[in-house]
Amino acid sequence: MSKPLLIYLVFMNLFAFYAMFADKRRAKRREWRIPEHTLFSFAFLGGALGGLLGMYALRHKTRHLSFKILMPCFLIFNVIVVYWLITGDLL
């Protein structure tokens, strides 16, 4: 795996996890929340693993069917894209 790709994936997953953490904290404090489409965007753009781990580690958004379905789908999509970027072969 190329170093820039690895750095990008680590950054996006940490960022997605932090976004889930920040949204959970804001929910508890009844403050302005991070829009769901923003959380989904982070997951789609390579942070699905961080978003999924954030969901279950922080018990945040786990009751939302859209998150239960889309986060694992985005993770599968991320794995396919990374595989394609590394090998140049689309399965």
PDB file of N, CA and C in Angstrom:
ATOM      1  N   MET A   1       0.857  -1.171   0.000  1.00  0.00           N
ATOM      2  CA  MET A   1       0.000   0.000   0.000  1.00  0.00           C
ATOM      3  C   MET A   1       0.900   1.231   0.000  1.00  0.00           C
ATOM      4  N   SER A   2       0.519   2.202  -0.797  1.00  0.00           N
ATOM      5  CA  SER A   2       1.332   3.414  -0.862  1.00  0.00           C
ATOM      6  C   SER A   2       1.175   4.235   0.420  1.00  0.00           C
ATOM      7  N   LYS A   3       2.222   4.929   0.763  1.00  0.00           N
ATOM      8  CA  LYS A   3       2.228   5.700   1.997  1.00  0.00           C
ATOM      9  C   LYS A   3       1.148   6.804   2.001  1.00  0.00           C
ATOM     10  N   PRO A   4       0.966   7.563   0.902  1.00  0.00           N
ATOM     11  CA  PRO A   4      -0.095   8.585   0.912  1.00  0.00           C
ATOM     12  C   PRO A   4      -1.494   7.995   1.122  1.00  0.00           C
ATOM     13  N   LEU A   5      -1.754   6.826   0.519  1.00  0.00           N
ATOM     14  CA  LEU A   5      -3.053   6.176   0.694  1.00  0.00           C
ATOM     15  C   LEU A   5      -3.250   5.747   2.139  1.00  0.00           C
ATOM     16  N   LEU A   6      -2.225   5.188   2.731  1.00  0.00           N
ATOM     17  CA  LEU A   6      -2.297   4.761   4.128  1.00  0.00           C
ATOM     18  C   LEU A   6      -2.537   5.958   5.051  1.00  0.00           C
ATOM     19  N   ILE A   7      -1.820   7.039   4.829  1.00  0.00           N
ATOM     20  CA  ILE A   7      -2.002   8.253   5.640  1.00  0.00           C
ATOM     21  C   ILE A   7      -3.420   8.782   5.485  1.00  0.00           C
ATOM     22  N   TYR A   8      -3.923   8.801   4.246  1.00  0.00           N
ATOM     23  CA  TYR A   8      -5.284   9.270   3.992  1.00  0.00           C
ATOM     24  C   TYR A   8      -6.309   8.417   4.742  1.00  0.00           C
ATOM     25  N   LEU A   9      -6.162   7.100   4.654  1.00  0.00           N
ATOM     26  CA  LEU A   9      -7.128   6.202   5.308  1.00  0.00           C
ATOM     27  C   LEU A   9      -7.077   6.334   6.829  1.00  0.00           C
ATOM     28  N   VAL A  10      -5.890   6.419   7.390  1.00  0.00           N
ATOM     29  CA  VAL A  10      -5.766   6.594   8.837  1.00  0.00           C
ATOM     30  C   VAL A  10      -6.414   7.906   9.252  1.00  0.00           C
ATOM     31  N   PHE A  11      -6.115   8.982   8.532  1.00  0.00           N
ATOM     32  CA  PHE A  11      -6.695  10.285   8.840  1.00  0.00           C
ATOM     33  C   PHE A  11      -8.220  10.254   8.764  1.00  0.00           C
ATOM     34  N   MET A  12      -8.765   9.700   7.677  1.00  0.00           N
ATOM     35  CA  MET A  12     -10.218   9.680   7.499  1.00  0.00           C
ATOM     36  C   MET A  12     -10.904   8.846   8.572  1.00  0.00           C
ATOM     37  N   ASN A  13     -10.311   7.733   8.958  1.00  0.00           N
ATOM     38  CA  ASN A  13     -10.930   6.889   9.977  1.00  0.00           C
ATOM     39  C   ASN A  13     -10.864   7.537  11.357  1.00  0.00           C
ATOM     40  N   LEU A  14      -9.747   8.168  11.669  1.00  0.00           N
ATOM     41  CA  LEU A  14      -9.667   8.906  12.933  1.00  0.00           C
ATOM     42  C   LEU A  14     -10.648  10.065  12.948  1.00  0.00           C
ATOM     43  N   PHE A  15     -10.759  10.747  11.820  1.00  0.00           N
ATOM     44  CA  PHE A  15     -11.670  11.879  11.711  1.00  0.00           C
ATOM     45  C   PHE A  15     -13.127  11.432  11.855  1.00  0.00           C
ATOM     46  N   ALA A  16     -13.477  10.311  11.219  1.00  0.00           N
ATOM     47  CA  ALA A  16     -14.843   9.788  11.309  1.00  0.00           C
ATOM     48  C   ALA A  16     -15.162   9.362  12.743  1.00  0.00           C
ATOM     49  N   PHE A  17     -14.206   8.699  13.401  1.00  0.00           N
ATOM     50  CA  PHE A  17     -14.407   8.302  14.793  1.00  0.00           C
ATOM     51  C   PHE A  17     -14.594   9.540  15.670  1.00  0.00           C
ATOM     52  N   TYR A  18     -13.744  10.557  15.473  1.00  0.00           N
ATOM     53  CA  TYR A  18     -13.857  11.782  16.258  1.00  0.00           C
ATOM     54  C   TYR A  18     -15.191  12.477  15.995  1.00  0.00           C
ATOM     55  N   ALA A  19     -15.661  12.461  14.755  1.00  0.00           N
ATOM     56  CA  ALA A  19     -16.945  13.089  14.433  1.00  0.00           C
ATOM     57  C   ALA A  19     -18.082  12.402  15.186  1.00  0.00           C
ATOM     58  N   MET A  20     -18.032  11.080  15.285  1.00  0.00           N
ATOM     59  CA  MET A  20     -19.052  10.356  16.052  1.00  0.00           C
ATOM     60  C   MET A  20     -18.953  10.723  17.536  1.00  0.00           C
ATOM     61  N   PHE A  21     -17.725  10.810  18.043  1.00  0.00           N
ATOM     62  CA  PHE A  21     -17.505  11.202  19.433  1.00  0.00           C
ATOM     63  C   PHE A  21     -18.045  12.608  19.688  1.00  0.00           C
ATOM     64  N   ALA A  22     -17.715  13.539  18.808  1.00  0.00           N
ATOM     65  CA  ALA A  22     -18.155  14.930  18.986  1.00  0.00           C
ATOM     66  C   ALA A  22     -19.674  15.044  18.906  1.00  0.00           C
ATOM     67  N   ASP A  23     -20.291  14.299  17.983  1.00  0.00           N
ATOM     68  CA  ASP A  23     -21.744  14.352  17.857  1.00  0.00           C
ATOM     69  C   ASP A  23     -22.421  13.757  19.089  1.00  0.00           C
ATOM     70  N   LYS A  24     -21.862  12.678  19.615  1.00  0.00           N
ATOM     71  CA  LYS A  24     -22.414  12.070  20.841  1.00  0.00           C
ATOM     72  C   LYS A  24     -22.316  13.049  22.002  1.00  0.00           C
ATOM     73  N   ARG A  25     -21.174  13.702  22.141  1.00  0.00           N
ATOM     74  CA  ARG A  25     -20.985  14.672  23.220  1.00  0.00           C
ATOM     75  C   ARG A  25     -21.963  15.842  23.069  1.00  0.00           C
ATOM     76  N   ARG A  26     -22.133  16.308  21.841  1.00  0.00           N
ATOM     77  CA  ARG A  26     -23.072  17.412  21.603  1.00  0.00           C
ATOM     78  C   ARG A  26     -24.510  16.988  21.877  1.00  0.00           C
ATOM     79  N   ALA A  27     -24.837  15.734  21.586  1.00  0.00           N
ATOM     80  CA  ALA A  27     -26.189  15.241  21.855  1.00  0.00           C
ATOM     81  C   ALA A  27     -26.465  15.246  23.356  1.00  0.00           C
ATOM     82  N   LYS A  28     -25.489  14.814  24.130  1.00  0.00           N
ATOM     83  CA  LYS A  28     -25.662  14.805  25.586  1.00  0.00           C
ATOM     84  C   LYS A  28     -25.833  16.212  26.145  1.00  0.00           C
ATOM     85  N   ARG A  29     -25.133  17.171  25.541  1.00  0.00           N
ATOM     86  CA  ARG A  29     -25.189  18.555  26.016  1.00  0.00           C
ATOM     87  C   ARG A  29     -26.321  19.362  25.376  1.00  0.00           C
ATOM     88  N   ARG A  30     -27.070  18.704  24.494  1.00  0.00           N
ATOM     89  CA  ARG A  30     -28.166  19.353  23.758  1.00  0.00           C
ATOM     90  C   ARG A  30     -27.686  20.571  22.977  1.00  0.00           C
ATOM     91  N   GLU A  31     -26.546  20.392  22.331  1.00  0.00           N
ATOM     92  CA  GLU A  31     -25.952  21.445  21.504  1.00  0.00           C
ATOM     93  C   GLU A  31     -26.219  21.144  20.036  1.00  0.00           C
ATOM     94  N   TRP A  32     -25.729  22.032  19.167  1.00  0.00           N
ATOM     95  CA  TRP A  32     -25.831  21.851  17.731  1.00  0.00           C
ATOM     96  C   TRP A  32     -25.149  20.549  17.340  1.00  0.00           C
ATOM     97  N   ARG A  33     -25.803  19.774  16.480  1.00  0.00           N
ATOM     98  CA  ARG A  33     -25.314  18.441  16.117  1.00  0.00           C
ATOM     99  C   ARG A  33     -24.665  18.436  14.741  1.00  0.00           C
ATOM    100  N   ILE A  34     -23.835  17.446  14.510  1.00  0.00           N
ATOM    101  CA  ILE A  34     -23.237  17.227  13.199  1.00  0.00           C
ATOM    102  C   ILE A  34     -24.300  16.550  12.331  1.00  0.00           C
ATOM    103  N   PRO A  35     -24.599  17.106  11.155  1.00  0.00           N
ATOM    104  CA  PRO A  35     -25.633  16.500  10.297  1.00  0.00           C
ATOM    105  C   PRO A  35     -25.283  15.061   9.913  1.00  0.00           C
ATOM    106  N   GLU A  36     -26.316  14.227   9.808  1.00  0.00           N
ATOM    107  CA  GLU A  36     -26.096  12.824   9.469  1.00  0.00           C
ATOM    108  C   GLU A  36     -25.420  12.672   8.122  1.00  0.00           C
ATOM    109  N   HIS A  37     -25.770  13.521   7.158  1.00  0.00           N
ATOM    110  CA  HIS A  37     -25.149  13.391   5.839  1.00  0.00           C
ATOM    111  C   HIS A  37     -23.651  13.671   5.899  1.00  0.00           C
ATOM    112  N   THR A  38     -23.210  14.466   6.864  1.00  0.00           N
ATOM    113  CA  THR A  38     -21.784  14.709   7.043  1.00  0.00           C
ATOM    114  C   THR A  38     -21.100  13.461   7.581  1.00  0.00           C
ATOM    115  N   LEU A  39     -21.725  12.805   8.551  1.00  0.00           N
ATOM    116  CA  LEU A  39     -21.167  11.562   9.087  1.00  0.00           C
ATOM    117  C   LEU A  39     -21.094  10.492   8.002  1.00  0.00           C
ATOM    118  N   PHE A  40     -22.131  10.413   7.173  1.00  0.00           N
ATOM    119  CA  PHE A  40     -22.127   9.460   6.067  1.00  0.00           C
ATOM    120  C   PHE A  40     -21.052   9.812   5.036  1.00  0.00           C
ATOM    121  N   SER A  41     -20.823  11.092   4.812  1.00  0.00           N
ATOM    122  CA  SER A  41     -19.804  11.517   3.850  1.00  0.00           C
ATOM    123  C   SER A  41     -18.414  11.084   4.299  1.00  0.00           C
ATOM    124  N   PHE A  42     -18.117  11.249   5.581  1.00  0.00           N
ATOM    125  CA  PHE A  42     -16.825  10.811   6.098  1.00  0.00           C
ATOM    126  C   PHE A  42     -16.645   9.311   5.884  1.00  0.00           C
ATOM    127  N   ALA A  43     -17.705   8.551   6.131  1.00  0.00           N
ATOM    128  CA  ALA A  43     -17.644   7.099   5.963  1.00  0.00           C
ATOM    129  C   ALA A  43     -17.447   6.733   4.498  1.00  0.00           C
ATOM    130  N   PHE A  44     -18.175   7.369   3.618  1.00  0.00           N
ATOM    131  CA  PHE A  44     -18.087   7.079   2.192  1.00  0.00           C
ATOM    132  C   PHE A  44     -16.695   7.393   1.643  1.00  0.00           C
ATOM    133  N   LEU A  45     -16.093   8.460   2.143  1.00  0.00           N
ATOM    134  CA  LEU A  45     -14.795   8.913   1.638  1.00  0.00           C
ATOM    135  C   LEU A  45     -13.599   8.196   2.266  1.00  0.00           C
ATOM    136  N   GLY A  46     -13.832   7.069   2.917  1.00  0.00           N
ATOM    137  CA  GLY A  46     -12.731   6.262   3.419  1.00  0.00           C
ATOM    138  C   GLY A  46     -12.728   6.049   4.916  1.00  0.00           C
ATOM    139  N   GLY A  47     -13.661   6.650   5.635  1.00  0.00           N
ATOM    140  CA  GLY A  47     -13.664   6.537   7.086  1.00  0.00           C
ATOM    141  C   GLY A  47     -14.725   5.617   7.645  1.00  0.00           C
ATOM    142  N   ALA A  48     -15.156   4.656   6.867  1.00  0.00           N
ATOM    143  CA  ALA A  48     -16.249   3.781   7.309  1.00  0.00           C
ATOM    144  C   ALA A  48     -15.873   2.948   8.531  1.00  0.00           C
ATOM    145  N   LEU A  49     -14.650   2.456   8.572  1.00  0.00           N
ATOM    146  CA  LEU A  49     -14.235   1.652   9.726  1.00  0.00           C
ATOM    147  C   LEU A  49     -14.244   2.503  10.993  1.00  0.00           C
ATOM    148  N   GLY A  50     -13.709   3.702  10.920  1.00  0.00           N
ATOM    149  CA  GLY A  50     -13.720   4.603  12.075  1.00  0.00           C
ATOM    150  C   GLY A  50     -15.131   4.980  12.489  1.00  0.00           C
ATOM    151  N   GLY A  51     -16.000   5.219  11.510  1.00  0.00           N
ATOM    152  CA  GLY A  51     -17.390   5.536  11.815  1.00  0.00           C
ATOM    153  C   GLY A  51     -18.119   4.378  12.463  1.00  0.00           C
ATOM    154  N   LEU A  52     -17.876   3.184  11.945  1.00  0.00           N
ATOM    155  CA  LEU A  52     -18.514   1.983  12.493  1.00  0.00           C
ATOM    156  C   LEU A  52     -18.013   1.694  13.904  1.00  0.00           C
ATOM    157  N   LEU A  53     -16.704   1.806  14.105  1.00  0.00           N
ATOM    158  CA  LEU A  53     -16.154   1.616  15.450  1.00  0.00           C
ATOM    159  C   LEU A  53     -16.683   2.678  16.411  1.00  0.00           C
ATOM    160  N   GLY A  54     -16.796   3.906  15.932  1.00  0.00           N
ATOM    161  CA  GLY A  54     -17.352   4.981  16.752  1.00  0.00           C
ATOM    162  C   GLY A  54     -18.797   4.720  17.129  1.00  0.00           C
ATOM    163  N   MET A  55     -19.560   4.203  16.183  1.00  0.00           N
ATOM    164  CA  MET A  55     -20.962   3.888  16.455  1.00  0.00           C
ATOM    165  C   MET A  55     -21.085   2.930  17.632  1.00  0.00           C
ATOM    166  N   TYR A  56     -20.345   1.830  17.564  1.00  0.00           N
ATOM    167  CA  TYR A  56     -20.530   0.783  18.564  1.00  0.00           C
ATOM    168  C   TYR A  56     -19.727   1.011  19.836  1.00  0.00           C
ATOM    169  N   ALA A  57     -18.563   1.605  19.730  1.00  0.00           N
ATOM    170  CA  ALA A  57     -17.774   1.876  20.942  1.00  0.00           C
ATOM    171  C   ALA A  57     -18.433   2.962  21.785  1.00  0.00           C
ATOM    172  N   LEU A  58     -19.035   3.939  21.125  1.00  0.00           N
ATOM    173  CA  LEU A  58     -19.660   5.054  21.836  1.00  0.00           C
ATOM    174  C   LEU A  58     -21.167   4.876  21.996  1.00  0.00           C
ATOM    175  N   ARG A  59     -21.701   3.805  21.432  1.00  0.00           N
ATOM    176  CA  ARG A  59     -23.148   3.552  21.418  1.00  0.00           C
ATOM    177  C   ARG A  59     -23.907   4.775  20.905  1.00  0.00           C
ATOM    178  N   HIS A  60     -23.511   5.194  19.702  1.00  0.00           N
ATOM    179  CA  HIS A  60     -24.087   6.388  19.093  1.00  0.00           C
ATOM    180  C   HIS A  60     -24.628   6.048  17.710  1.00  0.00           C
ATOM    181  N   LYS A  61     -25.870   6.383  17.463  1.00  0.00           N
ATOM    182  CA  LYS A  61     -26.556   6.155  16.194  1.00  0.00           C
ATOM    183  C   LYS A  61     -26.802   4.670  15.918  1.00  0.00           C
ATOM    184  N   THR A  62     -26.728   3.838  16.930  1.00  0.00           N
ATOM    185  CA  THR A  62     -26.906   2.399  16.720  1.00  0.00           C
ATOM    186  C   THR A  62     -28.371   2.009  16.557  1.00  0.00           C
ATOM    187  N   ARG A  63     -29.275   2.873  16.898  1.00  0.00           N
ATOM    188  CA  ARG A  63     -30.704   2.578  16.732  1.00  0.00           C
ATOM    189  C   ARG A  63     -31.230   3.019  15.366  1.00  0.00           C
ATOM    190  N   HIS A  64     -30.433   3.782  14.651  1.00  0.00           N
ATOM    191  CA  HIS A  64     -30.854   4.287  13.344  1.00  0.00           C
ATOM    192  C   HIS A  64     -30.608   3.217  12.283  1.00  0.00           C
ATOM    193  N   LEU A  65     -31.668   2.792  11.625  1.00  0.00           N
ATOM    194  CA  LEU A  65     -31.561   1.758  10.604  1.00  0.00           C
ATOM    195  C   LEU A  65     -30.634   2.195   9.470  1.00  0.00           C
ATOM    196  N   SER A  66     -30.683   3.475   9.122  1.00  0.00           N
ATOM    197  CA  SER A  66     -29.826   3.959   8.037  1.00  0.00           C
ATOM    198  C   SER A  66     -28.350   3.780   8.379  1.00  0.00           C
ATOM    199  N   PHE A  67     -27.981   3.994   9.625  1.00  0.00           N
ATOM    200  CA  PHE A  67     -26.591   3.811  10.040  1.00  0.00           C
ATOM    201  C   PHE A  67     -26.230   2.333  10.115  1.00  0.00           C
ATOM    202  N   LYS A  68     -27.162   1.510  10.578  1.00  0.00           N
ATOM    203  CA  LYS A  68     -26.909   0.070  10.663  1.00  0.00           C
ATOM    204  C   LYS A  68     -26.675  -0.547   9.286  1.00  0.00           C
ATOM    205  N   ILE A  69     -27.318   0.006   8.282  1.00  0.00           N
ATOM    206  CA  ILE A  69     -27.193  -0.536   6.924  1.00  0.00           C
ATOM    207  C   ILE A  69     -26.063   0.129   6.154  1.00  0.00           C
ATOM    208  N   LEU A  70     -26.035   1.456   6.155  1.00  0.00           N
ATOM    209  CA  LEU A  70     -25.088   2.168   5.303  1.00  0.00           C
ATOM    210  C   LEU A  70     -23.638   2.090   5.770  1.00  0.00           C
ATOM    211  N   MET A  71     -23.386   2.119   7.051  1.00  0.00           N
ATOM    212  CA  MET A  71     -21.995   2.081   7.513  1.00  0.00           C
ATOM    213  C   MET A  71     -21.284   0.784   7.084  1.00  0.00           C
ATOM    214  N   PRO A  72     -21.883  -0.394   7.283  1.00  0.00           N
ATOM    215  CA  PRO A  72     -21.221  -1.608   6.774  1.00  0.00           C
ATOM    216  C   PRO A  72     -21.102  -1.618   5.245  1.00  0.00           C
ATOM    217  N   CYS A  73     -22.100  -1.067   4.552  1.00  0.00           N
ATOM    218  CA  CYS A  73     -22.023  -0.987   3.085  1.00  0.00           C
ATOM    219  C   CYS A  73     -20.872  -0.087   2.658  1.00  0.00           C
ATOM    220  N   PHE A  74     -20.707   1.034   3.334  1.00  0.00           N
ATOM    221  CA  PHE A  74     -19.595   1.928   3.017  1.00  0.00           C
ATOM    222  C   PHE A  74     -18.257   1.269   3.332  1.00  0.00           C
ATOM    223  N   LEU A  75     -18.207   0.460   4.373  1.00  0.00           N
ATOM    224  CA  LEU A  75     -16.970  -0.255   4.699  1.00  0.00           C
ATOM    225  C   LEU A  75     -16.618  -1.236   3.579  1.00  0.00           C
ATOM    226  N   ILE A  76     -17.595  -1.962   3.084  1.00  0.00           N
ATOM    227  CA  ILE A  76     -17.359  -2.877   1.966  1.00  0.00           C
ATOM    228  C   ILE A  76     -16.905  -2.095   0.739  1.00  0.00           C
ATOM    229  N   PHE A  77     -17.558  -0.976   0.473  1.00  0.00           N
ATOM    230  CA  PHE A  77     -17.169  -0.114  -0.643  1.00  0.00           C
ATOM    231  C   PHE A  77     -15.731   0.371  -0.477  1.00  0.00           C
ATOM    232  N   ASN A  78     -15.368   0.801   0.729  1.00  0.00           N
ATOM    233  CA  ASN A  78     -14.006   1.271   0.998  1.00  0.00           C
ATOM    234  C   ASN A  78     -12.985   0.170   0.741  1.00  0.00           C
ATOM    235  N   VAL A  79     -13.283  -1.034   1.181  1.00  0.00           N
ATOM    236  CA  VAL A  79     -12.365  -2.162   0.982  1.00  0.00           C
ATOM    237  C   VAL A  79     -12.185  -2.444  -0.516  1.00  0.00           C
ATOM    238  N   ILE A  80     -13.272  -2.406  -1.260  1.00  0.00           N
ATOM    239  CA  ILE A  80     -13.197  -2.647  -2.705  1.00  0.00           C
ATOM    240  C   ILE A  80     -12.365  -1.569  -3.390  1.00  0.00           C
ATOM    241  N   VAL A  81     -12.577  -0.322  -3.038  1.00  0.00           N
ATOM    242  CA  VAL A  81     -11.825   0.776  -3.651  1.00  0.00           C
ATOM    243  C   VAL A  81     -10.342   0.682  -3.312  1.00  0.00           C
ATOM    244  N   VAL A  82     -10.023   0.392  -2.051  1.00  0.00           N
ATOM    245  CA  VAL A  82      -8.613   0.262  -1.662  1.00  0.00           C
ATOM    246  C   VAL A  82      -7.975  -0.916  -2.393  1.00  0.00           C
ATOM    247  N   TYR A  83      -8.673  -2.018  -2.488  1.00  0.00           N
ATOM    248  CA  TYR A  83      -8.164  -3.174  -3.238  1.00  0.00           C
ATOM    249  C   TYR A  83      -7.883  -2.786  -4.682  1.00  0.00           C
ATOM    250  N   TRP A  84      -8.814  -2.078  -5.300  1.00  0.00           N
ATOM    251  CA  TRP A  84      -8.659  -1.646  -6.683  1.00  0.00           C
ATOM    252  C   TRP A  84      -7.480  -0.686  -6.837  1.00  0.00           C
ATOM    253  N   LEU A  85      -7.329   0.234  -5.891  1.00  0.00           N
ATOM    254  CA  LEU A  85      -6.218   1.182  -5.956  1.00  0.00           C
ATOM    255  C   LEU A  85      -4.873   0.492  -5.799  1.00  0.00           C
ATOM    256  N   ILE A  86      -4.821  -0.533  -4.977  1.00  0.00           N
ATOM    257  CA  ILE A  86      -3.560  -1.237  -4.735  1.00  0.00           C
ATOM    258  C   ILE A  86      -3.202  -2.165  -5.889  1.00  0.00           C
ATOM    259  N   THR A  87      -4.179  -2.927  -6.360  1.00  0.00           N
ATOM    260  CA  THR A  87      -3.887  -3.943  -7.377  1.00  0.00           C
ATOM    261  C   THR A  87      -4.149  -3.477  -8.798  1.00  0.00           C
ATOM    262  N   GLY A  88      -5.036  -2.522  -8.950  1.00  0.00           N
ATOM    263  CA  GLY A  88      -5.420  -2.093 -10.298  1.00  0.00           C
ATOM    264  C   GLY A  88      -6.414  -3.056 -10.938  1.00  0.00           C
ATOM    265  N   ASP A  89      -6.844  -4.051 -10.187  1.00  0.00           N
ATOM    266  CA  ASP A  89      -7.764  -5.066 -10.682  1.00  0.00           C
ATOM    267  C   ASP A  89      -9.054  -4.979  -9.871  1.00  0.00           C
ATOM    268  N   LEU A  90     -10.151  -4.810 -10.546  1.00  0.00           N
ATOM    269  CA  LEU A  90     -11.443  -4.695  -9.857  1.00  0.00           C
ATOM    270  C   LEU A  90     -12.063  -6.073  -9.704  1.00  0.00           C
ATOM    271  N   LEU A  91     -11.640  -6.775  -8.661  1.00  0.00           N
ATOM    272  CA  LEU A  91     -12.118  -8.113  -8.332  1.00  0.00           C
ATOM    273  C   LEU A  91     -12.128  -8.929  -9.588  1.00  0.00           C
TER     274      LEU A  91
END
